[in-house]
Amino acid sequence: MRRRRSPRPISFALDVVGDRLEPATLLAKIQRHWPAVAGAFANTCEPRYERDGELVVACDSSVQANELQLMSELVVERLNAALGQPAITRLKAQANRS
């Protein structure tokens, strides 16, 4: 057996653990991919629930909710690509995050 000379990044191990601990729901998968998919909205908006392909996202302010709504087609496209399936058909942004 050959030994490694340099350590592996911890992110590799954490991704494996995260995959095993993640609940088997679509919302959990969405929440896991949200920071990479949402870009600048990731810090101020968060996915709340999904029903029949519609993802409801809560935002800190109405301005952010309107901006996310305008960008919703791009975010849905990125999210479906990250999920590996066309699971989300519509995004609805609301200004009610607390």
PDB file of N, CA and C in Angstrom:
ATOM      1  N   MET A   1       0.835  -1.170   0.000  1.00  0.00           N
ATOM      2  CA  MET A   1       0.000   0.000   0.000  1.00  0.00           C
ATOM      3  C   MET A   1       0.886   1.242   0.000  1.00  0.00           C
ATOM      4  N   ARG A   2       0.522   2.188  -0.806  1.00  0.00           N
ATOM      5  CA  ARG A   2       1.304   3.405  -0.943  1.00  0.00           C
ATOM      6  C   ARG A   2       0.748   4.493  -0.028  1.00  0.00           C
ATOM      7  N   ARG A   3       1.604   5.178   0.686  1.00  0.00           N
ATOM      8  CA  ARG A   3       1.188   6.238   1.610  1.00  0.00           C
ATOM      9  C   ARG A   3       1.168   7.591   0.917  1.00  0.00           C
ATOM     10  N   ARG A   4       0.266   8.412   1.344  1.00  0.00           N
ATOM     11  CA  ARG A   4       0.197   9.780   0.817  1.00  0.00           C
ATOM     12  C   ARG A   4       1.289  10.621   1.469  1.00  0.00           C
ATOM     13  N   ARG A   5       1.849  11.509   0.702  1.00  0.00           N
ATOM     14  CA  ARG A   5       2.869  12.405   1.247  1.00  0.00           C
ATOM     15  C   ARG A   5       2.273  13.714   1.734  1.00  0.00           C
ATOM     16  N   SER A   6       1.130  14.051   1.198  1.00  0.00           N
ATOM     17  CA  SER A   6       0.500  15.298   1.636  1.00  0.00           C
ATOM     18  C   SER A   6      -0.917  14.998   2.116  1.00  0.00           C
ATOM     19  N   PRO A   7      -1.409  15.788   3.043  1.00  0.00           N
ATOM     20  CA  PRO A   7      -2.757  15.549   3.561  1.00  0.00           C
ATOM     21  C   PRO A   7      -3.834  15.945   2.547  1.00  0.00           C
ATOM     22  N   ARG A   8      -4.966  15.285   2.641  1.00  0.00           N
ATOM     23  CA  ARG A   8      -6.123  15.635   1.807  1.00  0.00           C
ATOM     24  C   ARG A   8      -6.826  16.841   2.424  1.00  0.00           C
ATOM     25  N   PRO A   9      -7.476  17.631   1.598  1.00  0.00           N
ATOM     26  CA  PRO A   9      -8.273  18.732   2.149  1.00  0.00           C
ATOM     27  C   PRO A   9      -9.424  18.171   2.985  1.00  0.00           C
ATOM     28  N   ILE A  10      -9.741  18.826   4.070  1.00  0.00           N
ATOM     29  CA  ILE A  10     -10.812  18.358   4.948  1.00  0.00           C
ATOM     30  C   ILE A  10     -12.169  18.443   4.257  1.00  0.00           C
ATOM     31  N   SER A  11     -12.298  19.319   3.278  1.00  0.00           N
ATOM     32  CA  SER A  11     -13.575  19.453   2.578  1.00  0.00           C
ATOM     33  C   SER A  11     -13.982  18.150   1.907  1.00  0.00           C
ATOM     34  N   PHE A  12     -13.021  17.367   1.469  1.00  0.00           N
ATOM     35  CA  PHE A  12     -13.317  16.071   0.847  1.00  0.00           C
ATOM     36  C   PHE A  12     -14.035  15.166   1.844  1.00  0.00           C
ATOM     37  N   ALA A  13     -13.499  15.076   3.052  1.00  0.00           N
ATOM     38  CA  ALA A  13     -14.100  14.228   4.082  1.00  0.00           C
ATOM     39  C   ALA A  13     -15.450  14.784   4.533  1.00  0.00           C
ATOM     40  N   LEU A  14     -15.569  16.098   4.642  1.00  0.00           N
ATOM     41  CA  LEU A  14     -16.826  16.695   5.081  1.00  0.00           C
ATOM     42  C   LEU A  14     -17.934  16.512   4.056  1.00  0.00           C
ATOM     43  N   ASP A  15     -17.595  16.548   2.776  1.00  0.00           N
ATOM     44  CA  ASP A  15     -18.599  16.309   1.740  1.00  0.00           C
ATOM     45  C   ASP A  15     -19.151  14.892   1.841  1.00  0.00           C
ATOM     46  N   VAL A  16     -18.281  13.924   2.087  1.00  0.00           N
ATOM     47  CA  VAL A  16     -18.715  12.533   2.233  1.00  0.00           C
ATOM     48  C   VAL A  16     -19.630  12.391   3.438  1.00  0.00           C
ATOM     49  N   VAL A  17     -19.251  12.992   4.558  1.00  0.00           N
ATOM     50  CA  VAL A  17     -20.073  12.933   5.767  1.00  0.00           C
ATOM     51  C   VAL A  17     -21.407  13.649   5.532  1.00  0.00           C
ATOM     52  N   GLY A  18     -21.366  14.804   4.878  1.00  0.00           N
ATOM     53  CA  GLY A  18     -22.583  15.550   4.590  1.00  0.00           C
ATOM     54  C   GLY A  18     -23.546  14.766   3.719  1.00  0.00           C
ATOM     55  N   ASP A  19     -23.023  14.051   2.732  1.00  0.00           N
ATOM     56  CA  ASP A  19     -23.874  13.229   1.879  1.00  0.00           C
ATOM     57  C   ASP A  19     -24.584  12.147   2.680  1.00  0.00           C
ATOM     58  N   ARG A  20     -23.906  11.593   3.659  1.00  0.00           N
ATOM     59  CA  ARG A  20     -24.498  10.527   4.472  1.00  0.00           C
ATOM     60  C   ARG A  20     -25.508  11.063   5.478  1.00  0.00           C
ATOM     61  N   LEU A  21     -25.311  12.273   5.972  1.00  0.00           N
ATOM     62  CA  LEU A  21     -26.189  12.838   6.996  1.00  0.00           C
ATOM     63  C   LEU A  21     -27.373  13.614   6.430  1.00  0.00           C
ATOM     64  N   GLU A  22     -27.289  13.995   5.182  1.00  0.00           N
ATOM     65  CA  GLU A  22     -28.321  14.810   4.561  1.00  0.00           C
ATOM     66  C   GLU A  22     -29.649  14.056   4.501  1.00  0.00           C
ATOM     67  N   PRO A  23     -30.730  14.671   4.965  1.00  0.00           N
ATOM     68  CA  PRO A  23     -32.042  14.021   4.842  1.00  0.00           C
ATOM     69  C   PRO A  23     -32.376  13.797   3.370  1.00  0.00           C
ATOM     70  N   ALA A  24     -33.126  12.783   3.108  1.00  0.00           N
ATOM     71  CA  ALA A  24     -33.442  12.411   1.726  1.00  0.00           C
ATOM     72  C   ALA A  24     -34.642  13.193   1.199  1.00  0.00           C
ATOM     73  N   THR A  25     -34.647  14.499   1.381  1.00  0.00           N
ATOM     74  CA  THR A  25     -35.728  15.335   0.864  1.00  0.00           C
ATOM     75  C   THR A  25     -35.163  16.297  -0.172  1.00  0.00           C
ATOM     76  N   LEU A  26     -36.014  16.723  -1.052  1.00  0.00           N
ATOM     77  CA  LEU A  26     -35.593  17.671  -2.077  1.00  0.00           C
ATOM     78  C   LEU A  26     -35.168  18.989  -1.451  1.00  0.00           C
ATOM     79  N   LEU A  27     -35.893  19.457  -0.438  1.00  0.00           N
ATOM     80  CA  LEU A  27     -35.536  20.726   0.208  1.00  0.00           C
ATOM     81  C   LEU A  27     -34.145  20.661   0.826  1.00  0.00           C
ATOM     82  N   ALA A  28     -33.790  19.551   1.434  1.00  0.00           N
ATOM     83  CA  ALA A  28     -32.453  19.413   2.018  1.00  0.00           C
ATOM     84  C   ALA A  28     -31.377  19.495   0.938  1.00  0.00           C
ATOM     85  N   LYS A  29     -31.627  18.907  -0.203  1.00  0.00           N
ATOM     86  CA  LYS A  29     -30.669  18.980  -1.311  1.00  0.00           C
ATOM     87  C   LYS A  29     -30.566  20.414  -1.831  1.00  0.00           C
ATOM     88  N   ILE A  30     -31.700  21.080  -1.916  1.00  0.00           N
ATOM     89  CA  ILE A  30     -31.710  22.472  -2.372  1.00  0.00           C
ATOM     90  C   ILE A  30     -30.919  23.342  -1.405  1.00  0.00           C
ATOM     91  N   GLN A  31     -31.167  23.185  -0.107  1.00  0.00           N
ATOM     92  CA  GLN A  31     -30.468  23.981   0.897  1.00  0.00           C
ATOM     93  C   GLN A  31     -28.967  23.724   0.867  1.00  0.00           C
ATOM     94  N   ARG A  32     -28.571  22.521   0.570  1.00  0.00           N
ATOM     95  CA  ARG A  32     -27.144  22.201   0.508  1.00  0.00           C
ATOM     96  C   ARG A  32     -26.469  22.894  -0.681  1.00  0.00           C
ATOM     97  N   HIS A  33     -27.160  22.976  -1.802  1.00  0.00           N
ATOM     98  CA  HIS A  33     -26.587  23.589  -3.006  1.00  0.00           C
ATOM     99  C   HIS A  33     -26.825  25.099  -3.070  1.00  0.00           C
ATOM    100  N   TRP A  34     -27.697  25.624  -2.225  1.00  0.00           N
ATOM    101  CA  TRP A  34     -28.093  27.030  -2.293  1.00  0.00           C
ATOM    102  C   TRP A  34     -26.926  28.013  -2.279  1.00  0.00           C
ATOM    103  N   PRO A  35     -25.938  27.891  -1.372  1.00  0.00           N
ATOM    104  CA  PRO A  35     -24.846  28.877  -1.370  1.00  0.00           C
ATOM    105  C   PRO A  35     -24.092  28.969  -2.696  1.00  0.00           C
ATOM    106  N   ALA A  36     -23.894  27.864  -3.364  1.00  0.00           N
ATOM    107  CA  ALA A  36     -23.178  27.877  -4.638  1.00  0.00           C
ATOM    108  C   ALA A  36     -24.062  28.365  -5.783  1.00  0.00           C
ATOM    109  N   VAL A  37     -25.344  28.110  -5.701  1.00  0.00           N
ATOM    110  CA  VAL A  37     -26.269  28.437  -6.781  1.00  0.00           C
ATOM    111  C   VAL A  37     -26.764  29.877  -6.715  1.00  0.00           C
ATOM    112  N   ALA A  38     -27.026  30.360  -5.518  1.00  0.00           N
ATOM    113  CA  ALA A  38     -27.688  31.657  -5.355  1.00  0.00           C
ATOM    114  C   ALA A  38     -26.765  32.854  -5.484  1.00  0.00           C
ATOM    115  N   GLY A  39     -25.479  32.652  -5.408  1.00  0.00           N
ATOM    116  CA  GLY A  39     -24.541  33.757  -5.540  1.00  0.00           C
ATOM    117  C   GLY A  39     -24.718  34.789  -4.436  1.00  0.00           C
ATOM    118  N   ALA A  40     -24.920  36.053  -4.826  1.00  0.00           N
ATOM    119  CA  ALA A  40     -25.035  37.149  -3.862  1.00  0.00           C
ATOM    120  C   ALA A  40     -26.285  37.031  -2.986  1.00  0.00           C
ATOM    121  N   PHE A  41     -27.279  36.281  -3.437  1.00  0.00           N
ATOM    122  CA  PHE A  41     -28.510  36.122  -2.665  1.00  0.00           C
ATOM    123  C   PHE A  41     -28.369  35.109  -1.538  1.00  0.00           C
ATOM    124  N   ALA A  42     -27.319  34.334  -1.530  1.00  0.00           N
ATOM    125  CA  ALA A  42     -27.163  33.246  -0.560  1.00  0.00           C
ATOM    126  C   ALA A  42     -27.138  33.748   0.878  1.00  0.00           C
ATOM    127  N   ASN A  43     -26.601  34.931   1.117  1.00  0.00           N
ATOM    128  CA  ASN A  43     -26.499  35.452   2.483  1.00  0.00           C
ATOM    129  C   ASN A  43     -27.772  36.123   2.965  1.00  0.00           C
ATOM    130  N   THR A  44     -28.620  36.548   2.057  1.00  0.00           N
ATOM    131  CA  THR A  44     -29.793  37.326   2.447  1.00  0.00           C
ATOM    132  C   THR A  44     -31.117  36.625   2.155  1.00  0.00           C
ATOM    133  N   CYS A  45     -31.076  35.511   1.468  1.00  0.00           N
ATOM    134  CA  CYS A  45     -32.283  34.769   1.128  1.00  0.00           C
ATOM    135  C   CYS A  45     -32.051  33.285   1.397  1.00  0.00           C
ATOM    136  N   GLU A  46     -33.113  32.591   1.833  1.00  0.00           N
ATOM    137  CA  GLU A  46     -32.963  31.159   2.104  1.00  0.00           C
ATOM    138  C   GLU A  46     -34.202  30.395   1.667  1.00  0.00           C
ATOM    139  N   PRO A  47     -33.992  29.202   1.109  1.00  0.00           N
ATOM    140  CA  PRO A  47     -35.122  28.368   0.695  1.00  0.00           C
ATOM    141  C   PRO A  47     -35.923  27.924   1.923  1.00  0.00           C
ATOM    142  N   ARG A  48     -37.231  28.082   1.880  1.00  0.00           N
ATOM    143  CA  ARG A  48     -38.079  27.705   3.008  1.00  0.00           C
ATOM    144  C   ARG A  48     -38.802  26.389   2.760  1.00  0.00           C
ATOM    145  N   TYR A  49     -39.457  26.270   1.613  1.00  0.00           N
ATOM    146  CA  TYR A  49     -40.127  25.013   1.311  1.00  0.00           C
ATOM    147  C   TYR A  49     -40.325  24.861  -0.186  1.00  0.00           C
ATOM    148  N   GLU A  50     -40.610  23.625  -0.567  1.00  0.00           N
ATOM    149  CA  GLU A  50     -40.837  23.286  -1.968  1.00  0.00           C
ATOM    150  C   GLU A  50     -42.135  22.499  -2.039  1.00  0.00           C
ATOM    151  N   ARG A  51     -42.964  22.843  -3.006  1.00  0.00           N
ATOM    152  CA  ARG A  51     -44.215  22.115  -3.190  1.00  0.00           C
ATOM    153  C   ARG A  51     -44.550  22.078  -4.673  1.00  0.00           C
ATOM    154  N   ASP A  52     -44.685  20.882  -5.209  1.00  0.00           N
ATOM    155  CA  ASP A  52     -45.053  20.667  -6.614  1.00  0.00           C
ATOM    156  C   ASP A  52     -44.159  21.434  -7.580  1.00  0.00           C
ATOM    157  N   GLY A  53     -42.860  21.466  -7.297  1.00  0.00           N
ATOM    158  CA  GLY A  53     -41.905  22.117  -8.185  1.00  0.00           C
ATOM    159  C   GLY A  53     -41.706  23.597  -7.945  1.00  0.00           C
ATOM    160  N   GLU A  54     -42.502  24.182  -7.065  1.00  0.00           N
ATOM    161  CA  GLU A  54     -42.348  25.605  -6.740  1.00  0.00           C
ATOM    162  C   GLU A  54     -41.514  25.743  -5.467  1.00  0.00           C
ATOM    163  N   LEU A  55     -40.427  26.486  -5.553  1.00  0.00           N
ATOM    164  CA  LEU A  55     -39.548  26.734  -4.417  1.00  0.00           C
ATOM    165  C   LEU A  55     -39.847  28.123  -3.860  1.00  0.00           C
ATOM    166  N   VAL A  56     -40.178  28.171  -2.577  1.00  0.00           N
ATOM    167  CA  VAL A  56     -40.438  29.451  -1.915  1.00  0.00           C
ATOM    168  C   VAL A  56     -39.189  29.836  -1.140  1.00  0.00           C
ATOM    169  N   VAL A  57     -38.705  31.051  -1.418  1.00  0.00           N
ATOM    170  CA  VAL A  57     -37.481  31.555  -0.815  1.00  0.00           C
ATOM    171  C   VAL A  57     -37.805  32.809  -0.011  1.00  0.00           C
ATOM    172  N   ALA A  58     -37.353  32.834   1.243  1.00  0.00           N
ATOM    173  CA  ALA A  58     -37.569  33.992   2.114  1.00  0.00           C
ATOM    174  C   ALA A  58     -36.350  34.903   2.053  1.00  0.00           C
ATOM    175  N   CYS A  59     -36.592  36.188   1.878  1.00  0.00           N
ATOM    176  CA  CYS A  59     -35.519  37.178   1.763  1.00  0.00           C
ATOM    177  C   CYS A  59     -35.613  38.198   2.897  1.00  0.00           C
ATOM    178  N   ASP A  60     -34.493  38.875   3.175  1.00  0.00           N
ATOM    179  CA  ASP A  60     -34.437  39.872   4.246  1.00  0.00           C
ATOM    180  C   ASP A  60     -35.273  41.116   3.954  1.00  0.00           C
ATOM    181  N   SER A  61     -35.393  41.483   2.696  1.00  0.00           N
ATOM    182  CA  SER A  61     -36.128  42.709   2.357  1.00  0.00           C
ATOM    183  C   SER A  61     -36.898  42.520   1.058  1.00  0.00           C
ATOM    184  N   SER A  62     -37.839  43.422   0.822  1.00  0.00           N
ATOM    185  CA  SER A  62     -38.625  43.352  -0.405  1.00  0.00           C
ATOM    186  C   SER A  62     -37.772  43.665  -1.636  1.00  0.00           C
ATOM    187  N   VAL A  63     -36.762  44.501  -1.468  1.00  0.00           N
ATOM    188  CA  VAL A  63     -35.863  44.813  -2.580  1.00  0.00           C
ATOM    189  C   VAL A  63     -35.129  43.551  -3.020  1.00  0.00           C
ATOM    190  N   GLN A  64     -34.608  42.804  -2.059  1.00  0.00           N
ATOM    191  CA  GLN A  64     -33.910  41.564  -2.392  1.00  0.00           C
ATOM    192  C   GLN A  64     -34.861  40.532  -2.982  1.00  0.00           C
ATOM    193  N   ALA A  65     -36.074  40.468  -2.464  1.00  0.00           N
ATOM    194  CA  ALA A  65     -37.068  39.532  -2.997  1.00  0.00           C
ATOM    195  C   ALA A  65     -37.391  39.883  -4.448  1.00  0.00           C
ATOM    196  N   ASN A  66     -37.546  41.162  -4.757  1.00  0.00           N
ATOM    197  CA  ASN A  66     -37.818  41.578  -6.139  1.00  0.00           C
ATOM    198  C   ASN A  66     -36.644  41.260  -7.056  1.00  0.00           C
ATOM    199  N   GLU A  67     -35.438  41.511  -6.595  1.00  0.00           N
ATOM    200  CA  GLU A  67     -34.251  41.210  -7.413  1.00  0.00           C
ATOM    201  C   GLU A  67     -34.148  39.713  -7.677  1.00  0.00           C
ATOM    202  N   LEU A  68     -34.368  38.909  -6.633  1.00  0.00           N
ATOM    203  CA  LEU A  68     -34.309  37.455  -6.814  1.00  0.00           C
ATOM    204  C   LEU A  68     -35.409  36.987  -7.754  1.00  0.00           C
ATOM    205  N   GLN A  69     -36.582  37.576  -7.652  1.00  0.00           N
ATOM    206  CA  GLN A  69     -37.680  37.198  -8.543  1.00  0.00           C
ATOM    207  C   GLN A  69     -37.314  37.485  -9.995  1.00  0.00           C
ATOM    208  N   LEU A  70     -36.637  38.614 -10.233  1.00  0.00           N
ATOM    209  CA  LEU A  70     -36.202  38.949 -11.591  1.00  0.00           C
ATOM    210  C   LEU A  70     -35.144  37.978 -12.115  1.00  0.00           C
ATOM    211  N   MET A  71     -34.345  37.444 -11.212  1.00  0.00           N
ATOM    212  CA  MET A  71     -33.274  36.507 -11.583  1.00  0.00           C
ATOM    213  C   MET A  71     -33.717  35.047 -11.444  1.00  0.00           C
ATOM    214  N   SER A  72     -34.987  34.817 -11.169  1.00  0.00           N
ATOM    215  CA  SER A  72     -35.456  33.481 -10.806  1.00  0.00           C
ATOM    216  C   SER A  72     -35.212  32.428 -11.882  1.00  0.00           C
ATOM    217  N   GLU A  73     -35.352  32.772 -13.151  1.00  0.00           N
ATOM    218  CA  GLU A  73     -35.129  31.781 -14.210  1.00  0.00           C
ATOM    219  C   GLU A  73     -33.694  31.271 -14.192  1.00  0.00           C
ATOM    220  N   LEU A  74     -32.746  32.174 -14.015  1.00  0.00           N
ATOM    221  CA  LEU A  74     -31.343  31.781 -13.960  1.00  0.00           C
ATOM    222  C   LEU A  74     -31.060  30.941 -12.715  1.00  0.00           C
ATOM    223  N   VAL A  75     -31.611  31.329 -11.582  1.00  0.00           N
ATOM    224  CA  VAL A  75     -31.394  30.589 -10.339  1.00  0.00           C
ATOM    225  C   VAL A  75     -32.006  29.198 -10.443  1.00  0.00           C
ATOM    226  N   VAL A  76     -33.195  29.082 -11.014  1.00  0.00           N
ATOM    227  CA  VAL A  76     -33.841  27.773 -11.191  1.00  0.00           C
ATOM    228  C   VAL A  76     -33.005  26.895 -12.112  1.00  0.00           C
ATOM    229  N   GLU A  77     -32.498  27.474 -13.170  1.00  0.00           N
ATOM    230  CA  GLU A  77     -31.653  26.722 -14.106  1.00  0.00           C
ATOM    231  C   GLU A  77     -30.393  26.200 -13.405  1.00  0.00           C
ATOM    232  N   ARG A  78     -29.728  27.058 -12.643  1.00  0.00           N
ATOM    233  CA  ARG A  78     -28.526  26.649 -11.912  1.00  0.00           C
ATOM    234  C   ARG A  78     -28.842  25.596 -10.856  1.00  0.00           C
ATOM    235  N   LEU A  79     -29.955  25.773 -10.179  1.00  0.00           N
ATOM    236  CA  LEU A  79     -30.344  24.841  -9.128  1.00  0.00           C
ATOM    237  C   LEU A  79     -30.639  23.458  -9.704  1.00  0.00           C
ATOM    238  N   ASN A  80     -31.381  23.407 -10.785  1.00  0.00           N
ATOM    239  CA  ASN A  80     -31.675  22.124 -11.419  1.00  0.00           C
ATOM    240  C   ASN A  80     -30.408  21.447 -11.931  1.00  0.00           C
ATOM    241  N   ALA A  81     -29.467  22.238 -12.433  1.00  0.00           N
ATOM    242  CA  ALA A  81     -28.189  21.670 -12.879  1.00  0.00           C
ATOM    243  C   ALA A  81     -27.423  21.083 -11.696  1.00  0.00           C
ATOM    244  N   ALA A  82     -27.428  21.783 -10.569  1.00  0.00           N
ATOM    245  CA  ALA A  82     -26.731  21.284  -9.380  1.00  0.00           C
ATOM    246  C   ALA A  82     -27.401  20.035  -8.822  1.00  0.00           C
ATOM    247  N   LEU A  83     -28.728  19.970  -8.923  1.00  0.00           N
ATOM    248  CA  LEU A  83     -29.466  18.808  -8.429  1.00  0.00           C
ATOM    249  C   LEU A  83     -29.373  17.620  -9.373  1.00  0.00           C
ATOM    250  N   GLY A  84     -29.059  17.890 -10.631  1.00  0.00           N
ATOM    251  CA  GLY A  84     -28.958  16.821 -11.614  1.00  0.00           C
ATOM    252  C   GLY A  84     -30.299  16.352 -12.144  1.00  0.00           C
ATOM    253  N   GLN A  85     -31.331  17.142 -11.922  1.00  0.00           N
ATOM    254  CA  GLN A  85     -32.669  16.809 -12.400  1.00  0.00           C
ATOM    255  C   GLN A  85     -33.517  18.070 -12.460  1.00  0.00           C
ATOM    256  N   PRO A  86     -34.521  18.102 -13.324  1.00  0.00           N
ATOM    257  CA  PRO A  86     -35.390  19.286 -13.400  1.00  0.00           C
ATOM    258  C   PRO A  86     -36.462  19.258 -12.315  1.00  0.00           C
ATOM    259  N   ALA A  87     -36.063  19.403 -11.078  1.00  0.00           N
ATOM    260  CA  ALA A  87     -36.974  19.274  -9.938  1.00  0.00           C
ATOM    261  C   ALA A  87     -37.751  20.555  -9.658  1.00  0.00           C
ATOM    262  N   ILE A  88     -37.177  21.700  -9.938  1.00  0.00           N
ATOM    263  CA  ILE A  88     -37.800  22.991  -9.649  1.00  0.00           C
ATOM    264  C   ILE A  88     -38.254  23.633 -10.953  1.00  0.00           C
ATOM    265  N   THR A  89     -39.507  24.057 -11.004  1.00  0.00           N
ATOM    266  CA  THR A  89     -40.034  24.698 -12.203  1.00  0.00           C
ATOM    267  C   THR A  89     -40.245  26.196 -12.011  1.00  0.00           C
ATOM    268  N   ARG A  90     -40.374  26.608 -10.735  1.00  0.00           N
ATOM    269  CA  ARG A  90     -40.672  28.012 -10.464  1.00  0.00           C
ATOM    270  C   ARG A  90     -40.100  28.404  -9.115  1.00  0.00           C
ATOM    271  N   LEU A  91     -39.640  29.641  -9.014  1.00  0.00           N
ATOM    272  CA  LEU A  91     -39.134  30.175  -7.756  1.00  0.00           C
ATOM    273  C   LEU A  91     -40.012  31.354  -7.356  1.00  0.00           C
ATOM    274  N   LYS A  92     -40.404  31.378  -6.101  1.00  0.00           N
ATOM    275  CA  LYS A  92     -41.222  32.471  -5.584  1.00  0.00           C
ATOM    276  C   LYS A  92     -40.465  33.098  -4.403  1.00  0.00           C
ATOM    277  N   ALA A  93     -40.108  34.368  -4.538  1.00  0.00           N
ATOM    278  CA  ALA A  93     -39.361  35.068  -3.493  1.00  0.00           C
ATOM    279  C   ALA A  93     -40.318  35.898  -2.649  1.00  0.00           C
ATOM    280  N   GLN A  94     -40.136  35.812  -1.318  1.00  0.00           N
ATOM    281  CA  GLN A  94     -40.956  36.564  -0.378  1.00  0.00           C
ATOM    282  C   GLN A  94     -40.077  37.340   0.580  1.00  0.00           C
ATOM    283  N   ALA A  95     -40.542  38.492   1.019  1.00  0.00           N
ATOM    284  CA  ALA A  95     -39.794  39.320   1.964  1.00  0.00           C
ATOM    285  C   ALA A  95     -40.311  39.072   3.362  1.00  0.00           C
ATOM    286  N   ASN A  96     -39.946  37.938   3.941  1.00  0.00           N
ATOM    287  CA  ASN A  96     -40.427  37.619   5.274  1.00  0.00           C
ATOM    288  C   ASN A  96     -39.416  36.817   6.090  1.00  0.00           C
ATOM    289  N   ARG A  97     -38.164  36.950   5.774  1.00  0.00           N
ATOM    290  CA  ARG A  97     -37.133  36.213   6.510  1.00  0.00           C
ATOM    291  C   ARG A  97     -36.891  36.910   7.855  1.00  0.00           C
ATOM    292  N   SER A  98     -36.887  36.151   8.906  1.00  0.00           N
ATOM    293  CA  SER A  98     -36.617  36.752  10.221  1.00  0.00           C
ATOM    294  C   SER A  98     -35.734  35.872  11.053  1.00  0.00           C
TER     295      SER A  98
END
